Amino acid sequence: MLHVAEHGRDLCPPGRDSQEWANGVLYDFARVAELLDGAVERVSGRRNETVADNAHSPATVISAHRNLEVGRSAS
């Protein structure tokens, strides 16, 4: 994640469509955000309702951003 934050689109493989690559990365980020609740619970050994209630917010925001970008690139 740090590597992506530092290098962004420069990590897109040569010859690959950068928008398609970015959409895939954003999908993966949203998926990671969805998994945070369960991961925190398994690591800590306790369920935390605050984590559970808030873990899906980043996934929703990332997915919405991705969908907006897909819509823009299609027009």
PDB file of N, CA and C in Angstrom:
ATOM      1  N   MET A   1       0.821  -1.177   0.000  1.00  0.00           N
ATOM      2  CA  MET A   1       0.000   0.000   0.000  1.00  0.00           C
ATOM      3  C   MET A   1       0.873   1.250   0.000  1.00  0.00           C
ATOM      4  N   LEU A   2       1.913   1.235   0.799  1.00  0.00           N
ATOM      5  CA  LEU A   2       2.829   2.377   0.837  1.00  0.00           C
ATOM      6  C   LEU A   2       3.479   2.592  -0.532  1.00  0.00           C
ATOM      7  N   HIS A   3       3.859   1.512  -1.167  1.00  0.00           N
ATOM      8  CA  HIS A   3       4.482   1.586  -2.493  1.00  0.00           C
ATOM      9  C   HIS A   3       3.522   2.225  -3.508  1.00  0.00           C
ATOM     10  N   VAL A   4       2.272   1.835  -3.448  1.00  0.00           N
ATOM     11  CA  VAL A   4       1.269   2.416  -4.355  1.00  0.00           C
ATOM     12  C   VAL A   4       1.061   3.887  -4.020  1.00  0.00           C
ATOM     13  N   ALA A   5       1.036   4.218  -2.735  1.00  0.00           N
ATOM     14  CA  ALA A   5       0.865   5.616  -2.341  1.00  0.00           C
ATOM     15  C   ALA A   5       2.021   6.483  -2.831  1.00  0.00           C
ATOM     16  N   GLU A   6       3.221   5.910  -2.851  1.00  0.00           N
ATOM     17  CA  GLU A   6       4.395   6.663  -3.290  1.00  0.00           C
ATOM     18  C   GLU A   6       4.501   6.771  -4.808  1.00  0.00           C
ATOM     19  N   HIS A   7       4.080   5.738  -5.523  1.00  0.00           N
ATOM     20  CA  HIS A   7       4.334   5.694  -6.968  1.00  0.00           C
ATOM     21  C   HIS A   7       3.094   5.761  -7.851  1.00  0.00           C
ATOM     22  N   GLY A   8       1.925   5.520  -7.298  1.00  0.00           N
ATOM     23  CA  GLY A   8       0.675   5.657  -8.036  1.00  0.00           C
ATOM     24  C   GLY A   8       0.676   4.997  -9.400  1.00  0.00           C
ATOM     25  N   ARG A   9       0.240   5.742 -10.400  1.00  0.00           N
ATOM     26  CA  ARG A   9       0.095   5.206 -11.758  1.00  0.00           C
ATOM     27  C   ARG A   9       1.411   4.815 -12.417  1.00  0.00           C
ATOM     28  N   ASP A  10       2.518   5.235 -11.851  1.00  0.00           N
ATOM     29  CA  ASP A  10       3.811   4.803 -12.393  1.00  0.00           C
ATOM     30  C   ASP A  10       3.976   3.289 -12.293  1.00  0.00           C
ATOM     31  N   LEU A  11       3.186   2.644 -11.432  1.00  0.00           N
ATOM     32  CA  LEU A  11       3.259   1.192 -11.259  1.00  0.00           C
ATOM     33  C   LEU A  11       2.474   0.421 -12.313  1.00  0.00           C
ATOM     34  N   CYS A  12       1.717   1.135 -13.122  1.00  0.00           N
ATOM     35  CA  CYS A  12       0.960   0.474 -14.183  1.00  0.00           C
ATOM     36  C   CYS A  12       1.936  -0.192 -15.154  1.00  0.00           C
ATOM     37  N   PRO A  13       1.744  -1.495 -15.400  1.00  0.00           N
ATOM     38  CA  PRO A  13       2.667  -2.201 -16.297  1.00  0.00           C
ATOM     39  C   PRO A  13       2.677  -1.592 -17.706  1.00  0.00           C
ATOM     40  N   PRO A  14       3.815  -1.578 -18.358  1.00  0.00           N
ATOM     41  CA  PRO A  14       3.902  -1.049 -19.724  1.00  0.00           C
ATOM     42  C   PRO A  14       2.945  -1.805 -20.650  1.00  0.00           C
ATOM     43  N   GLY A  15       2.290  -1.071 -21.496  1.00  0.00           N
ATOM     44  CA  GLY A  15       1.378  -1.674 -22.460  1.00  0.00           C
ATOM     45  C   GLY A  15      -0.016  -1.930 -21.916  1.00  0.00           C
ATOM     46  N   ARG A  16      -0.210  -1.703 -20.648  1.00  0.00           N
ATOM     47  CA  ARG A  16      -1.526  -1.918 -20.041  1.00  0.00           C
ATOM     48  C   ARG A  16      -2.277  -0.605 -20.003  1.00  0.00           C
ATOM     49  N   ASP A  17      -3.561  -0.640 -20.261  1.00  0.00           N
ATOM     50  CA  ASP A  17      -4.398   0.550 -20.191  1.00  0.00           C
ATOM     51  C   ASP A  17      -4.394   1.075 -18.751  1.00  0.00           C
ATOM     52  N   SER A  18      -3.947   2.316 -18.551  1.00  0.00           N
ATOM     53  CA  SER A  18      -3.790   2.842 -17.193  1.00  0.00           C
ATOM     54  C   SER A  18      -5.124   2.988 -16.467  1.00  0.00           C
ATOM     55  N   GLN A  19      -6.185   3.309 -17.190  1.00  0.00           N
ATOM     56  CA  GLN A  19      -7.502   3.434 -16.542  1.00  0.00           C
ATOM     57  C   GLN A  19      -8.008   2.067 -16.091  1.00  0.00           C
ATOM     58  N   GLU A  20      -7.825   1.070 -16.929  1.00  0.00           N
ATOM     59  CA  GLU A  20      -8.227  -0.295 -16.567  1.00  0.00           C
ATOM     60  C   GLU A  20      -7.433  -0.774 -15.350  1.00  0.00           C
ATOM     61  N   TRP A  21      -6.132  -0.505 -15.357  1.00  0.00           N
ATOM     62  CA  TRP A  21      -5.278  -0.879 -14.235  1.00  0.00           C
ATOM     63  C   TRP A  21      -5.738  -0.174 -12.960  1.00  0.00           C
ATOM     64  N   ALA A  22      -5.986   1.125 -13.048  1.00  0.00           N
ATOM     65  CA  ALA A  22      -6.420   1.906 -11.883  1.00  0.00           C
ATOM     66  C   ALA A  22      -7.748   1.377 -11.345  1.00  0.00           C
ATOM     67  N   ASN A  23      -8.665   1.023 -12.220  1.00  0.00           N
ATOM     68  CA  ASN A  23      -9.949   0.481 -11.780  1.00  0.00           C
ATOM     69  C   ASN A  23      -9.752  -0.815 -11.008  1.00  0.00           C
ATOM     70  N   GLY A  24      -8.841  -1.660 -11.459  1.00  0.00           N
ATOM     71  CA  GLY A  24      -8.548  -2.898 -10.754  1.00  0.00           C
ATOM     72  C   GLY A  24      -7.940  -2.654  -9.385  1.00  0.00           C
ATOM     73  N   VAL A  25      -7.027  -1.693  -9.317  1.00  0.00           N
ATOM     74  CA  VAL A  25      -6.398  -1.364  -8.029  1.00  0.00           C
ATOM     75  C   VAL A  25      -7.441  -0.800  -7.067  1.00  0.00           C
ATOM     76  N   LEU A  26      -8.306   0.081  -7.540  1.00  0.00           N
ATOM     77  CA  LEU A  26      -9.344   0.639  -6.679  1.00  0.00           C
ATOM     78  C   LEU A  26     -10.309  -0.444  -6.203  1.00  0.00           C
ATOM     79  N   TYR A  27     -10.615  -1.397  -7.071  1.00  0.00           N
ATOM     80  CA  TYR A  27     -11.458  -2.530  -6.668  1.00  0.00           C
ATOM     81  C   TYR A  27     -10.782  -3.292  -5.528  1.00  0.00           C
ATOM     82  N   ASP A  28      -9.490  -3.552  -5.671  1.00  0.00           N
ATOM     83  CA  ASP A  28      -8.756  -4.272  -4.630  1.00  0.00           C
ATOM     84  C   ASP A  28      -8.726  -3.488  -3.320  1.00  0.00           C
ATOM     85  N   PHE A  29      -8.551  -2.178  -3.389  1.00  0.00           N
ATOM     86  CA  PHE A  29      -8.557  -1.351  -2.182  1.00  0.00           C
ATOM     87  C   PHE A  29      -9.915  -1.440  -1.481  1.00  0.00           C
ATOM     88  N   ALA A  30     -10.997  -1.378  -2.248  1.00  0.00           N
ATOM     89  CA  ALA A  30     -12.331  -1.482  -1.657  1.00  0.00           C
ATOM     90  C   ALA A  30     -12.514  -2.838  -0.987  1.00  0.00           C
ATOM     91  N   ARG A  31     -12.016  -3.875  -1.615  1.00  0.00           N
ATOM     92  CA  ARG A  31     -12.127  -5.224  -1.047  1.00  0.00           C
ATOM     93  C   ARG A  31     -11.345  -5.331   0.265  1.00  0.00           C
ATOM     94  N   VAL A  32     -10.161  -4.754   0.303  1.00  0.00           N
ATOM     95  CA  VAL A  32      -9.370  -4.752   1.542  1.00  0.00           C
ATOM     96  C   VAL A  32     -10.142  -4.030   2.648  1.00  0.00           C
ATOM     97  N   ALA A  33     -10.732  -2.892   2.319  1.00  0.00           N
ATOM     98  CA  ALA A  33     -11.502  -2.141   3.314  1.00  0.00           C
ATOM     99  C   ALA A  33     -12.660  -2.979   3.855  1.00  0.00           C
ATOM    100  N   GLU A  34     -13.303  -3.750   2.988  1.00  0.00           N
ATOM    101  CA  GLU A  34     -14.399  -4.612   3.429  1.00  0.00           C
ATOM    102  C   GLU A  34     -13.920  -5.690   4.400  1.00  0.00           C
ATOM    103  N   LEU A  35     -12.690  -6.116   4.251  1.00  0.00           N
ATOM    104  CA  LEU A  35     -12.152  -7.193   5.079  1.00  0.00           C
ATOM    105  C   LEU A  35     -11.595  -6.726   6.420  1.00  0.00           C
ATOM    106  N   LEU A  36     -11.462  -5.417   6.604  1.00  0.00           N
ATOM    107  CA  LEU A  36     -10.850  -4.891   7.826  1.00  0.00           C
ATOM    108  C   LEU A  36     -11.572  -5.317   9.101  1.00  0.00           C
ATOM    109  N   ASP A  37     -12.883  -5.278   9.086  1.00  0.00           N
ATOM    110  CA  ASP A  37     -13.657  -5.635  10.270  1.00  0.00           C
ATOM    111  C   ASP A  37     -13.294  -7.035  10.757  1.00  0.00           C
ATOM    112  N   GLY A  38     -13.356  -8.004   9.876  1.00  0.00           N
ATOM    113  CA  GLY A  38     -13.034  -9.381  10.252  1.00  0.00           C
ATOM    114  C   GLY A  38     -11.585  -9.548  10.648  1.00  0.00           C
ATOM    115  N   ALA A  39     -10.698  -8.861   9.959  1.00  0.00           N
ATOM    116  CA  ALA A  39      -9.269  -8.967  10.276  1.00  0.00           C
ATOM    117  C   ALA A  39      -8.970  -8.414  11.663  1.00  0.00           C
ATOM    118  N   VAL A  40      -9.551  -7.274  11.991  1.00  0.00           N
ATOM    119  CA  VAL A  40      -9.337  -6.686  13.311  1.00  0.00           C
ATOM    120  C   VAL A  40      -9.864  -7.622  14.396  1.00  0.00           C
ATOM    121  N   GLU A  41     -11.022  -8.191  14.148  1.00  0.00           N
ATOM    122  CA  GLU A  41     -11.603  -9.113  15.124  1.00  0.00           C
ATOM    123  C   GLU A  41     -10.722 -10.350  15.324  1.00  0.00           C
ATOM    124  N   ARG A  42     -10.222 -10.909  14.241  1.00  0.00           N
ATOM    125  CA  ARG A  42      -9.404 -12.117  14.350  1.00  0.00           C
ATOM    126  C   ARG A  42      -8.057 -11.841  15.013  1.00  0.00           C
ATOM    127  N   VAL A  43      -7.465 -10.702  14.718  1.00  0.00           N
ATOM    128  CA  VAL A  43      -6.165 -10.362  15.308  1.00  0.00           C
ATOM    129  C   VAL A  43      -6.310 -10.034  16.797  1.00  0.00           C
ATOM    130  N   SER A  44      -7.336  -9.270  17.135  1.00  0.00           N
ATOM    131  CA  SER A  44      -7.500  -8.847  18.532  1.00  0.00           C
ATOM    132  C   SER A  44      -8.202  -9.898  19.379  1.00  0.00           C
ATOM    133  N   GLY A  45      -8.942 -10.788  18.728  1.00  0.00           N
ATOM    134  CA  GLY A  45      -9.683 -11.799  19.470  1.00  0.00           C
ATOM    135  C   GLY A  45     -10.997 -11.298  20.028  1.00  0.00           C
ATOM    136  N   ARG A  46     -11.365 -10.066  19.670  1.00  0.00           N
ATOM    137  CA  ARG A  46     -12.620  -9.480  20.160  1.00  0.00           C
ATOM    138  C   ARG A  46     -13.318  -8.716  19.053  1.00  0.00           C
ATOM    139  N   ARG A  47     -14.626  -8.789  19.088  1.00  0.00           N
ATOM    140  CA  ARG A  47     -15.427  -8.005  18.139  1.00  0.00           C
ATOM    141  C   ARG A  47     -15.557  -6.591  18.693  1.00  0.00           C
ATOM    142  N   ASN A  48     -15.376  -5.624  17.835  1.00  0.00           N
ATOM    143  CA  ASN A  48     -15.510  -4.224  18.222  1.00  0.00           C
ATOM    144  C   ASN A  48     -16.560  -3.615  17.314  1.00  0.00           C
ATOM    145  N   GLU A  49     -17.691  -3.262  17.878  1.00  0.00           N
ATOM    146  CA  GLU A  49     -18.798  -2.737  17.070  1.00  0.00           C
ATOM    147  C   GLU A  49     -18.439  -1.421  16.381  1.00  0.00           C
ATOM    148  N   THR A  50     -17.566  -0.626  16.985  1.00  0.00           N
ATOM    149  CA  THR A  50     -17.143   0.625  16.339  1.00  0.00           C
ATOM    150  C   THR A  50     -16.406   0.317  15.045  1.00  0.00           C
ATOM    151  N   VAL A  51     -15.524  -0.660  15.091  1.00  0.00           N
ATOM    152  CA  VAL A  51     -14.813  -1.069  13.872  1.00  0.00           C
ATOM    153  C   VAL A  51     -15.810  -1.622  12.864  1.00  0.00           C
ATOM    154  N   ALA A  52     -16.684  -2.492  13.335  1.00  0.00           N
ATOM    155  CA  ALA A  52     -17.669  -3.105  12.440  1.00  0.00           C
ATOM    156  C   ALA A  52     -18.547  -2.045  11.776  1.00  0.00           C
ATOM    157  N   ASP A  53     -18.988  -1.071  12.555  1.00  0.00           N
ATOM    158  CA  ASP A  53     -19.869  -0.025  12.016  1.00  0.00           C
ATOM    159  C   ASP A  53     -19.172   0.872  11.006  1.00  0.00           C
ATOM    160  N   ASN A  54     -17.856   1.047  11.158  1.00  0.00           N
ATOM    161  CA  ASN A  54     -17.135   1.992  10.311  1.00  0.00           C
ATOM    162  C   ASN A  54     -16.271   1.357   9.234  1.00  0.00           C
ATOM    163  N   ALA A  55     -16.076   0.076   9.257  1.00  0.00           N
ATOM    164  CA  ALA A  55     -15.175  -0.569   8.301  1.00  0.00           C
ATOM    165  C   ALA A  55     -15.665  -0.484   6.864  1.00  0.00           C
ATOM    166  N   HIS A  56     -16.963  -0.442   6.683  1.00  0.00           N
ATOM    167  CA  HIS A  56     -17.489  -0.452   5.324  1.00  0.00           C
ATOM    168  C   HIS A  56     -17.535   0.935   4.680  1.00  0.00           C
ATOM    169  N   SER A  57     -17.380   1.984   5.468  1.00  0.00           N
ATOM    170  CA  SER A  57     -17.403   3.340   4.900  1.00  0.00           C
ATOM    171  C   SER A  57     -16.316   3.566   3.860  1.00  0.00           C
ATOM    172  N   PRO A  58     -15.049   3.218   4.148  1.00  0.00           N
ATOM    173  CA  PRO A  58     -14.019   3.420   3.121  1.00  0.00           C
ATOM    174  C   PRO A  58     -14.302   2.597   1.861  1.00  0.00           C
ATOM    175  N   ALA A  59     -14.798   1.387   2.021  1.00  0.00           N
ATOM    176  CA  ALA A  59     -15.112   0.557   0.848  1.00  0.00           C
ATOM    177  C   ALA A  59     -16.172   1.216  -0.012  1.00  0.00           C
ATOM    178  N   THR A  60     -17.174   1.784   0.622  1.00  0.00           N
ATOM    179  CA  THR A  60     -18.254   2.454  -0.109  1.00  0.00           C
ATOM    180  C   THR A  60     -17.735   3.674  -0.855  1.00  0.00           C
ATOM    181  N   VAL A  61     -16.905   4.462  -0.192  1.00  0.00           N
ATOM    182  CA  VAL A  61     -16.355   5.676  -0.810  1.00  0.00           C
ATOM    183  C   VAL A  61     -15.434   5.314  -1.975  1.00  0.00           C
ATOM    184  N   ILE A  62     -14.577   4.320  -1.788  1.00  0.00           N
ATOM    185  CA  ILE A  62     -13.660   3.902  -2.855  1.00  0.00           C
ATOM    186  C   ILE A  62     -14.445   3.367  -4.047  1.00  0.00           C
ATOM    187  N   SER A  63     -15.461   2.551  -3.779  1.00  0.00           N
ATOM    188  CA  SER A  63     -16.277   2.001  -4.864  1.00  0.00           C
ATOM    189  C   SER A  63     -17.003   3.107  -5.618  1.00  0.00           C
ATOM    190  N   ALA A  64     -17.533   4.076  -4.894  1.00  0.00           N
ATOM    191  CA  ALA A  64     -18.219   5.194  -5.547  1.00  0.00           C
ATOM    192  C   ALA A  64     -17.249   5.987  -6.414  1.00  0.00           C
ATOM    193  N   HIS A  65     -16.075   6.239  -5.902  1.00  0.00           N
ATOM    194  CA  HIS A  65     -15.055   6.971  -6.672  1.00  0.00           C
ATOM    195  C   HIS A  65     -14.691   6.188  -7.938  1.00  0.00           C
ATOM    196  N   ARG A  66     -14.492   4.902  -7.775  1.00  0.00           N
ATOM    197  CA  ARG A  66     -14.146   4.041  -8.917  1.00  0.00           C
ATOM    198  C   ARG A  66     -15.257   4.091  -9.956  1.00  0.00           C
ATOM    199  N   ASN A  67     -16.506   3.984  -9.517  1.00  0.00           N
ATOM    200  CA  ASN A  67     -17.632   4.003 -10.446  1.00  0.00           C
ATOM    201  C   ASN A  67     -17.740   5.334 -11.183  1.00  0.00           C
ATOM    202  N   LEU A  68     -17.451   6.422 -10.495  1.00  0.00           N
ATOM    203  CA  LEU A  68     -17.461   7.733 -11.150  1.00  0.00           C
ATOM    204  C   LEU A  68     -16.377   7.807 -12.218  1.00  0.00           C
ATOM    205  N   GLU A  69     -15.195   7.296 -11.903  1.00  0.00           N
ATOM    206  CA  GLU A  69     -14.095   7.324 -12.855  1.00  0.00           C
ATOM    207  C   GLU A  69     -14.386   6.428 -14.061  1.00  0.00           C
ATOM    208  N   VAL A  70     -14.997   5.280 -13.835  1.00  0.00           N
ATOM    209  CA  VAL A  70     -15.367   4.406 -14.943  1.00  0.00           C
ATOM    210  C   VAL A  70     -16.368   5.107 -15.850  1.00  0.00           C
ATOM    211  N   GLY A  71     -17.339   5.795 -15.237  1.00  0.00           N
ATOM    212  CA  GLY A  71     -18.323   6.540 -16.017  1.00  0.00           C
ATOM    213  C   GLY A  71     -17.698   7.640 -16.841  1.00  0.00           C
ATOM    214  N   ARG A  72     -16.726   8.327 -16.277  1.00  0.00           N
ATOM    215  CA  ARG A  72     -16.036   9.401 -17.000  1.00  0.00           C
ATOM    216  C   ARG A  72     -15.233   8.866 -18.165  1.00  0.00           C
ATOM    217  N   SER A  73     -14.574   7.730 -17.946  1.00  0.00           N
ATOM    218  CA  SER A  73     -13.738   7.200 -19.026  1.00  0.00           C
ATOM    219  C   SER A  73     -14.576   6.594 -20.152  1.00  0.00           C
ATOM    220  N   ALA A  74     -15.822   6.229 -19.846  1.00  0.00           N
ATOM    221  CA  ALA A  74     -16.708   5.661 -20.869  1.00  0.00           C
ATOM    222  C   ALA A  74     -17.314   6.743 -21.754  1.00  0.00           C
ATOM    223  N   SER A  75     -17.336   8.000 -21.254  1.00  0.00           N
ATOM    224  CA  SER A  75     -17.963   9.058 -22.058  1.00  0.00           C
ATOM    225  C   SER A  75     -17.002   9.748 -22.968  1.00  0.00           C
TER     226      SER A  75
END
